[in-house]
Amino acid sequence: IVVPCGTCSIVDYTDGSTIDLPNGLNIVGRLHFPTSTNVRITTTNVYVQGLFDLPTPLDSNNELTIHLYGTNEYWFTPYDGSTDARSVGKKPFVVAGGTIHIQAVSNECESWTQWMII
């Protein structure tokens, strides 16, 4: 599946479905996950050349799981038409020129701590 450049696709699975993408997921535009998302995505590879967007924590008890499977070797070629393909191995999750925006924890949750310098 390709999320084309200049488009925004919204993931609207809310029932915990498993979605299989045997030919991979290539995000060139924007793939948005609203707070109501509850889905398991199984795929052979993920390429992020656009925006993987989870801007707010998911609703209570909801999950977004990405499960990579397979034994094939994959090659990544940029969406810009370049012929500069690169081997990215088996089960790749590649961010190449794109952005992953994940706000998985509420801002009210203390998610860091000060370490003591010894």
N, C-alpha and C. Protein backbone atom coordinates (compact mmCIF):
# COMPACT_ATOMS: atom_id res chain seq x y z
N ILE A 1 0.86 -1.18 0.00
CA ILE A 1 0.00 0.00 0.00
C ILE A 1 0.90 1.23 0.00
N VAL A 2 0.56 2.20 -0.82
CA VAL A 2 1.28 3.48 -0.85
C VAL A 2 0.32 4.58 -0.44
N VAL A 3 0.73 5.37 0.55
CA VAL A 3 0.02 6.61 0.87
C VAL A 3 0.70 7.67 0.02
N PRO A 4 0.02 8.15 -1.04
CA PRO A 4 0.68 9.03 -2.01
C PRO A 4 1.06 10.39 -1.45
N CYS A 5 2.05 10.99 -2.05
CA CYS A 5 2.48 12.34 -1.73
C CYS A 5 1.30 13.29 -1.90
N GLY A 6 1.15 14.23 -0.97
CA GLY A 6 0.09 15.22 -1.06
C GLY A 6 -1.25 14.74 -0.55
N THR A 7 -1.31 13.52 0.01
CA THR A 7 -2.57 13.02 0.55
C THR A 7 -2.43 12.73 2.03
N CYS A 8 -3.57 12.72 2.72
CA CYS A 8 -3.63 12.33 4.12
C CYS A 8 -4.61 11.17 4.22
N SER A 9 -4.13 10.04 4.67
CA SER A 9 -4.98 8.87 4.89
C SER A 9 -5.17 8.69 6.39
N ILE A 10 -6.41 8.46 6.79
CA ILE A 10 -6.74 8.30 8.21
C ILE A 10 -7.06 6.84 8.47
N VAL A 11 -6.40 6.26 9.47
CA VAL A 11 -6.65 4.87 9.84
C VAL A 11 -7.89 4.87 10.73
N ASP A 12 -8.96 4.23 10.25
CA ASP A 12 -10.22 4.30 10.97
C ASP A 12 -10.65 2.95 11.55
N TYR A 13 -9.71 2.05 11.77
CA TYR A 13 -10.02 0.78 12.43
C TYR A 13 -10.08 1.00 13.94
N THR A 14 -11.19 0.63 14.55
CA THR A 14 -11.38 0.87 15.99
C THR A 14 -11.72 -0.40 16.75
N ASP A 15 -11.79 -1.54 16.05
CA ASP A 15 -12.28 -2.77 16.67
C ASP A 15 -11.19 -3.80 16.95
N GLY A 16 -9.92 -3.42 16.84
CA GLY A 16 -8.83 -4.36 17.09
C GLY A 16 -8.56 -5.29 15.94
N SER A 17 -9.04 -4.96 14.76
CA SER A 17 -8.82 -5.79 13.57
C SER A 17 -7.34 -5.98 13.29
N THR A 18 -7.02 -7.08 12.60
CA THR A 18 -5.69 -7.30 12.07
C THR A 18 -5.76 -7.05 10.57
N ILE A 19 -4.93 -6.14 10.10
CA ILE A 19 -4.87 -5.79 8.68
C ILE A 19 -3.54 -6.29 8.14
N ASP A 20 -3.59 -7.14 7.11
CA ASP A 20 -2.36 -7.69 6.54
C ASP A 20 -2.03 -6.94 5.25
N LEU A 21 -0.82 -6.42 5.19
CA LEU A 21 -0.32 -5.72 3.99
C LEU A 21 0.89 -6.50 3.47
N PRO A 22 0.65 -7.58 2.69
CA PRO A 22 1.75 -8.46 2.28
C PRO A 22 2.77 -7.81 1.36
N ASN A 23 2.43 -6.66 0.75
CA ASN A 23 3.37 -5.97 -0.14
C ASN A 23 3.98 -4.75 0.51
N GLY A 24 3.82 -4.60 1.82
CA GLY A 24 4.45 -3.52 2.55
C GLY A 24 3.59 -2.26 2.64
N LEU A 25 4.11 -1.29 3.38
CA LEU A 25 3.47 0.01 3.60
C LEU A 25 4.49 1.09 3.29
N ASN A 26 4.18 1.93 2.32
CA ASN A 26 5.08 3.01 1.91
C ASN A 26 4.35 4.33 2.11
N ILE A 27 4.75 5.08 3.14
CA ILE A 27 4.09 6.34 3.48
C ILE A 27 4.88 7.48 2.85
N VAL A 28 4.32 8.06 1.79
CA VAL A 28 4.96 9.19 1.12
C VAL A 28 4.21 10.46 1.48
N GLY A 29 2.91 10.35 1.70
CA GLY A 29 2.09 11.46 2.18
C GLY A 29 2.02 11.42 3.70
N ARG A 30 0.81 11.51 4.24
CA ARG A 30 0.60 11.49 5.69
C ARG A 30 -0.32 10.34 6.05
N LEU A 31 0.09 9.51 7.00
CA LEU A 31 -0.76 8.45 7.54
C LEU A 31 -1.07 8.83 8.98
N HIS A 32 -2.35 9.13 9.23
CA HIS A 32 -2.78 9.67 10.53
C HIS A 32 -3.55 8.62 11.32
N PHE A 33 -3.18 8.48 12.60
CA PHE A 33 -3.85 7.57 13.51
C PHE A 33 -4.58 8.39 14.58
N PRO A 34 -5.93 8.48 14.52
CA PRO A 34 -6.66 9.22 15.54
C PRO A 34 -6.66 8.48 16.88
N THR A 35 -7.13 9.14 17.92
CA THR A 35 -7.12 8.54 19.26
C THR A 35 -7.98 7.29 19.35
N SER A 36 -8.94 7.14 18.46
CA SER A 36 -9.83 5.98 18.48
C SER A 36 -9.23 4.75 17.80
N THR A 37 -8.04 4.87 17.23
CA THR A 37 -7.41 3.76 16.52
C THR A 37 -7.21 2.56 17.44
N ASN A 38 -7.57 1.40 16.96
CA ASN A 38 -7.33 0.14 17.66
C ASN A 38 -7.12 -0.92 16.58
N VAL A 39 -5.86 -1.18 16.21
CA VAL A 39 -5.57 -2.03 15.06
C VAL A 39 -4.21 -2.70 15.19
N ARG A 40 -4.09 -3.85 14.56
CA ARG A 40 -2.80 -4.55 14.43
C ARG A 40 -2.52 -4.62 12.93
N ILE A 41 -1.39 -4.07 12.52
CA ILE A 41 -0.98 -4.08 11.11
C ILE A 41 0.15 -5.08 10.97
N THR A 42 -0.05 -6.07 10.11
CA THR A 42 1.02 -7.02 9.82
C THR A 42 1.48 -6.75 8.40
N THR A 43 2.80 -6.69 8.22
CA THR A 43 3.34 -6.35 6.91
C THR A 43 4.78 -6.82 6.79
N THR A 44 5.29 -6.78 5.59
CA THR A 44 6.66 -7.22 5.33
C THR A 44 7.69 -6.10 5.47
N ASN A 45 7.24 -4.85 5.30
CA ASN A 45 8.16 -3.71 5.40
C ASN A 45 7.37 -2.42 5.55
N VAL A 46 8.00 -1.43 6.17
CA VAL A 46 7.42 -0.09 6.30
C VAL A 46 8.47 0.92 5.88
N TYR A 47 8.09 1.79 4.94
CA TYR A 47 8.97 2.89 4.52
C TYR A 47 8.24 4.19 4.83
N VAL A 48 8.90 5.06 5.60
CA VAL A 48 8.31 6.36 5.94
C VAL A 48 9.12 7.44 5.21
N GLN A 49 8.51 7.98 4.15
CA GLN A 49 9.12 9.07 3.39
C GLN A 49 8.31 10.34 3.57
N GLY A 50 7.17 10.20 4.22
CA GLY A 50 6.27 11.33 4.50
C GLY A 50 6.12 11.45 6.00
N LEU A 51 4.86 11.37 6.50
CA LEU A 51 4.58 11.56 7.93
C LEU A 51 3.77 10.40 8.48
N PHE A 52 4.34 9.71 9.46
CA PHE A 52 3.65 8.70 10.26
C PHE A 52 3.19 9.45 11.49
N ASP A 53 1.88 9.66 11.63
CA ASP A 53 1.36 10.66 12.58
C ASP A 53 0.41 10.06 13.62
N LEU A 54 0.88 10.01 14.87
CA LEU A 54 0.07 9.63 16.02
C LEU A 54 0.22 10.77 17.03
N PRO A 55 -0.53 11.90 16.82
CA PRO A 55 -0.26 13.12 17.55
C PRO A 55 -0.78 13.17 18.99
N THR A 56 -1.69 12.26 19.35
CA THR A 56 -2.21 12.23 20.72
C THR A 56 -2.28 10.77 21.18
N PRO A 57 -2.21 10.54 22.49
CA PRO A 57 -2.29 9.16 22.98
C PRO A 57 -3.60 8.50 22.55
N LEU A 58 -3.53 7.19 22.34
CA LEU A 58 -4.73 6.44 21.97
C LEU A 58 -5.68 6.36 23.17
N ASP A 59 -6.97 6.17 22.85
CA ASP A 59 -7.95 5.98 23.90
C ASP A 59 -7.57 4.79 24.77
N SER A 60 -8.03 4.81 26.01
CA SER A 60 -7.75 3.76 26.97
C SER A 60 -8.10 2.39 26.38
N ASN A 61 -7.23 1.41 26.57
CA ASN A 61 -7.39 0.03 26.10
C ASN A 61 -7.21 -0.14 24.60
N ASN A 62 -6.94 0.91 23.84
CA ASN A 62 -6.69 0.78 22.41
C ASN A 62 -5.20 0.59 22.16
N GLU A 63 -4.88 -0.07 21.05
CA GLU A 63 -3.48 -0.33 20.71
C GLU A 63 -3.25 -0.15 19.22
N LEU A 64 -2.05 0.25 18.90
CA LEU A 64 -1.56 0.24 17.52
C LEU A 64 -0.32 -0.64 17.53
N THR A 65 -0.41 -1.77 16.85
CA THR A 65 0.70 -2.71 16.78
C THR A 65 1.10 -2.88 15.33
N ILE A 66 2.40 -2.82 15.08
CA ILE A 66 2.91 -3.11 13.74
C ILE A 66 3.82 -4.32 13.87
N HIS A 67 3.42 -5.39 13.21
CA HIS A 67 4.16 -6.65 13.25
C HIS A 67 4.79 -6.88 11.87
N LEU A 68 6.12 -6.95 11.84
CA LEU A 68 6.84 -7.21 10.59
C LEU A 68 7.14 -8.70 10.49
N TYR A 69 6.94 -9.26 9.30
CA TYR A 69 7.17 -10.69 9.10
C TYR A 69 7.87 -10.94 7.77
N GLY A 70 8.36 -12.16 7.62
CA GLY A 70 8.96 -12.57 6.35
C GLY A 70 10.45 -12.80 6.43
N THR A 71 10.97 -13.39 5.37
CA THR A 71 12.40 -13.70 5.31
C THR A 71 13.07 -13.12 4.07
N ASN A 72 12.30 -12.40 3.25
CA ASN A 72 12.86 -11.81 2.03
C ASN A 72 13.73 -10.60 2.35
N GLU A 73 14.71 -10.37 1.51
CA GLU A 73 15.56 -9.17 1.56
C GLU A 73 14.85 -8.06 0.79
N TYR A 74 14.81 -6.86 1.35
CA TYR A 74 14.13 -5.74 0.70
C TYR A 74 15.11 -4.65 0.29
N TRP A 75 14.70 -3.92 -0.74
CA TRP A 75 15.47 -2.80 -1.26
C TRP A 75 14.60 -1.57 -1.18
N PHE A 76 15.20 -0.47 -0.78
CA PHE A 76 14.47 0.80 -0.69
C PHE A 76 14.94 1.72 -1.81
N THR A 77 13.97 2.28 -2.55
CA THR A 77 14.25 3.28 -3.56
C THR A 77 13.43 4.51 -3.23
N PRO A 78 14.05 5.69 -3.11
CA PRO A 78 13.30 6.91 -2.77
C PRO A 78 12.17 7.19 -3.76
N TYR A 79 11.13 7.79 -3.26
CA TYR A 79 9.95 8.11 -4.04
C TYR A 79 10.21 9.19 -5.09
N ASP A 80 11.28 9.95 -4.92
CA ASP A 80 11.56 11.09 -5.80
C ASP A 80 12.01 10.69 -7.20
N GLY A 81 11.97 9.40 -7.51
CA GLY A 81 12.34 8.96 -8.85
C GLY A 81 13.79 8.54 -8.97
N SER A 82 14.55 8.69 -7.90
CA SER A 82 15.95 8.28 -7.91
C SER A 82 16.04 6.77 -8.18
N THR A 83 17.11 6.38 -8.80
CA THR A 83 17.35 4.96 -9.04
C THR A 83 18.36 4.41 -8.04
N ASP A 84 18.61 5.16 -6.99
CA ASP A 84 19.60 4.80 -5.99
C ASP A 84 18.99 3.84 -4.95
N ALA A 85 18.79 2.58 -5.32
CA ALA A 85 18.22 1.59 -4.42
C ALA A 85 19.25 1.11 -3.41
N ARG A 86 18.80 0.89 -2.19
CA ARG A 86 19.67 0.42 -1.10
C ARG A 86 19.06 -0.80 -0.46
N SER A 87 19.89 -1.78 -0.14
CA SER A 87 19.41 -2.94 0.59
C SER A 87 19.10 -2.51 2.02
N VAL A 88 17.92 -2.90 2.51
CA VAL A 88 17.53 -2.54 3.88
C VAL A 88 17.23 -3.78 4.72
N GLY A 89 17.58 -4.94 4.21
CA GLY A 89 17.49 -6.17 4.99
C GLY A 89 16.10 -6.78 5.04
N LYS A 90 15.93 -7.65 6.01
CA LYS A 90 14.67 -8.35 6.21
C LYS A 90 13.83 -7.59 7.24
N LYS A 91 12.53 -7.53 7.02
CA LYS A 91 11.58 -6.88 7.93
C LYS A 91 11.97 -5.43 8.24
N PRO A 92 12.25 -4.62 7.24
CA PRO A 92 12.72 -3.25 7.51
C PRO A 92 11.61 -2.29 7.92
N PHE A 93 11.94 -1.40 8.82
CA PHE A 93 11.14 -0.21 9.14
C PHE A 93 12.09 0.95 8.89
N VAL A 94 11.92 1.61 7.76
CA VAL A 94 12.88 2.62 7.28
C VAL A 94 12.25 4.01 7.33
N VAL A 95 12.95 4.95 7.93
CA VAL A 95 12.56 6.35 7.87
C VAL A 95 13.61 7.03 7.00
N ALA A 96 13.20 7.45 5.80
CA ALA A 96 14.13 8.03 4.84
C ALA A 96 13.55 9.34 4.33
N GLY A 97 13.96 10.42 4.95
CA GLY A 97 13.45 11.73 4.55
C GLY A 97 12.09 12.04 5.13
N GLY A 98 11.53 11.10 5.88
CA GLY A 98 10.21 11.30 6.48
C GLY A 98 10.30 11.60 7.96
N THR A 99 9.13 11.59 8.60
CA THR A 99 9.04 11.92 10.02
C THR A 99 8.09 10.96 10.72
N ILE A 100 8.49 10.53 11.90
CA ILE A 100 7.58 9.78 12.77
C ILE A 100 7.21 10.72 13.91
N HIS A 101 5.92 11.01 14.02
CA HIS A 101 5.42 11.88 15.08
C HIS A 101 4.51 11.04 15.97
N ILE A 102 5.03 10.65 17.14
CA ILE A 102 4.26 9.82 18.07
C ILE A 102 4.22 10.51 19.42
N GLN A 103 3.01 10.78 19.89
CA GLN A 103 2.78 11.31 21.24
C GLN A 103 2.00 10.22 21.96
N ALA A 104 2.71 9.20 22.44
CA ALA A 104 2.05 8.02 22.98
C ALA A 104 1.70 8.14 24.46
N VAL A 105 2.21 9.16 25.12
CA VAL A 105 1.97 9.33 26.55
C VAL A 105 1.40 10.72 26.78
N SER A 106 0.43 10.80 27.68
CA SER A 106 -0.17 12.09 28.03
C SER A 106 0.90 13.03 28.57
N ASN A 107 0.75 14.32 28.30
CA ASN A 107 1.70 15.32 28.80
C ASN A 107 1.72 15.38 30.32
N GLU A 108 0.66 14.91 30.97
CA GLU A 108 0.61 14.92 32.43
C GLU A 108 1.43 13.79 33.05
N CYS A 109 1.83 12.82 32.24
CA CYS A 109 2.59 11.68 32.74
C CYS A 109 4.07 12.03 32.78
N GLU A 110 4.68 11.89 33.95
CA GLU A 110 6.12 12.13 34.03
C GLU A 110 6.83 11.00 33.29
N SER A 111 7.50 11.34 32.23
CA SER A 111 8.11 10.30 31.38
C SER A 111 9.63 10.39 31.35
N TRP A 112 10.19 11.12 32.27
CA TRP A 112 11.64 11.20 32.31
C TRP A 112 12.06 11.36 33.76
N THR A 113 13.30 11.14 34.03
CA THR A 113 13.85 11.31 35.36
C THR A 113 15.26 11.84 35.24
N GLN A 114 15.70 12.55 36.26
CA GLN A 114 17.07 13.09 36.28
C GLN A 114 18.01 11.99 36.75
N TRP A 115 19.10 11.83 36.02
CA TRP A 115 20.10 10.85 36.41
C TRP A 115 21.19 11.53 37.22
N MET A 116 21.73 10.81 38.16
CA MET A 116 22.79 11.37 38.99
C MET A 116 24.12 11.20 38.26
N ILE A 117 24.88 12.27 38.18
CA ILE A 117 26.20 12.20 37.56
C ILE A 117 27.19 11.79 38.64
N ILE A 118 27.91 10.71 38.36
CA ILE A 118 28.86 10.20 39.35
C ILE A 118 30.26 10.51 38.91
